[in-house]
Amino acid sequence: MVKAARDRLPDRVAIGVLTKTFPPELVDAVIDQAKARELRKRSLPARLTVYFTLAMWLWREHGYEEVLRQLIDGLGWSGAGPDE
């Protein structure tokens, strides 16, 4: 039940709005234009880093771990994960 309480629809909606406002293709294009693409496979790829930075503004009251958890859960749900 704790998972259900933490897995809130408004959080998923916020991630959906984030990925609609900044679609993965746009984020990838900006990363490439800035020549900031990772050279090796990383735990936190460039696209996820951008979304993580934006998500920290959405959930300012939460710590990094909680923001990252919500982001990864939400991106998986929205289909905009780092490997999609």
Protein backbone atom coordinates (compact mmCIF):
# COMPACT_ATOMS: atom_id res chain seq x y z
CA MET A 1 0.00 0.00 0.00
CA VAL A 2 2.92 2.35 0.56
CA LYS A 3 3.89 2.04 -3.11
CA ALA A 4 0.35 2.97 -4.18
CA ALA A 5 0.38 6.06 -1.98
CA ARG A 6 3.68 7.18 -3.48
CA ASP A 7 2.65 6.37 -7.07
CA ARG A 8 0.36 9.34 -7.54
CA LEU A 9 -1.48 10.25 -10.74
CA PRO A 10 -0.53 13.97 -10.47
CA ASP A 11 3.14 12.96 -10.51
CA ARG A 12 2.58 10.94 -13.67
CA VAL A 13 0.68 13.84 -15.23
CA ALA A 14 3.58 16.17 -14.37
CA ILE A 15 6.03 13.82 -16.12
CA GLY A 16 3.64 13.62 -19.08
CA VAL A 17 3.53 17.41 -19.33
CA LEU A 18 7.32 17.53 -19.02
CA THR A 19 7.81 15.06 -21.89
CA LYS A 20 5.19 16.79 -24.06
CA THR A 21 6.81 20.17 -23.47
CA PHE A 22 10.32 18.76 -23.96
CA PRO A 23 9.92 15.68 -26.19
CA PRO A 24 12.80 13.18 -26.21
CA GLU A 25 13.70 14.11 -29.79
CA LEU A 26 14.09 17.78 -28.83
CA VAL A 27 16.13 16.93 -25.73
CA ASP A 28 18.39 14.66 -27.81
CA ALA A 29 18.83 17.33 -30.50
CA VAL A 30 19.84 19.92 -27.90
CA ILE A 31 22.26 17.48 -26.26
CA ASP A 32 23.83 16.74 -29.64
CA GLN A 33 23.99 20.42 -30.59
CA ALA A 34 25.72 21.18 -27.29
CA LYS A 35 28.08 18.25 -27.95
CA ALA A 36 27.17 16.89 -24.50
CA ARG A 37 26.33 13.32 -25.56
CA GLU A 38 27.95 10.71 -23.35
CA LEU A 39 30.76 8.75 -25.00
CA ARG A 40 30.21 5.59 -22.96
CA LYS A 41 27.06 3.95 -21.65
CA ARG A 42 26.28 5.56 -18.28
CA SER A 43 23.85 4.89 -15.44
CA LEU A 44 22.49 8.40 -15.95
CA PRO A 45 22.51 9.11 -19.71
CA ALA A 46 22.42 12.67 -21.02
CA ARG A 47 18.65 12.68 -21.76
CA LEU A 48 17.82 11.40 -18.29
CA THR A 49 20.14 14.02 -16.77
CA VAL A 50 18.21 16.78 -18.55
CA TYR A 51 14.86 15.41 -17.40
CA PHE A 52 16.25 14.92 -13.87
CA THR A 53 17.33 18.57 -13.72
CA LEU A 54 13.88 19.71 -14.86
CA ALA A 55 12.13 17.28 -12.49
CA MET A 56 14.05 18.67 -9.52
CA TRP A 57 12.09 21.89 -10.10
CA LEU A 58 8.79 19.99 -10.18
CA TRP A 59 9.45 18.22 -6.87
CA ARG A 60 11.57 20.77 -5.01
CA GLU A 61 10.37 19.46 -1.66
CA HIS A 62 11.77 15.96 -2.31
CA GLY A 63 15.32 14.65 -2.18
CA TYR A 64 17.31 13.55 -5.21
CA GLU A 65 16.50 9.86 -4.75
CA GLU A 66 12.74 10.46 -4.61
CA VAL A 67 12.84 12.78 -7.62
CA LEU A 68 14.81 10.23 -9.61
CA ARG A 69 12.41 7.45 -8.59
CA GLN A 70 9.39 9.49 -9.67
CA LEU A 71 11.11 10.47 -12.88
CA ILE A 72 12.12 6.94 -13.86
CA ASP A 73 8.67 5.58 -12.99
CA GLY A 74 6.98 8.39 -14.91
CA LEU A 75 9.23 8.17 -17.96
CA GLY A 76 8.64 4.43 -18.19
CA TRP A 77 4.92 5.06 -17.98
CA SER A 78 5.02 7.84 -20.61
CA GLY A 79 7.24 5.89 -23.03
CA ALA A 80 9.95 8.57 -22.98
CA GLY A 81 12.55 6.68 -20.99
CA PRO A 82 16.25 7.08 -21.62
CA ASP A 83 16.42 4.13 -24.01
CA GLU A 84 13.19 4.67 -25.93
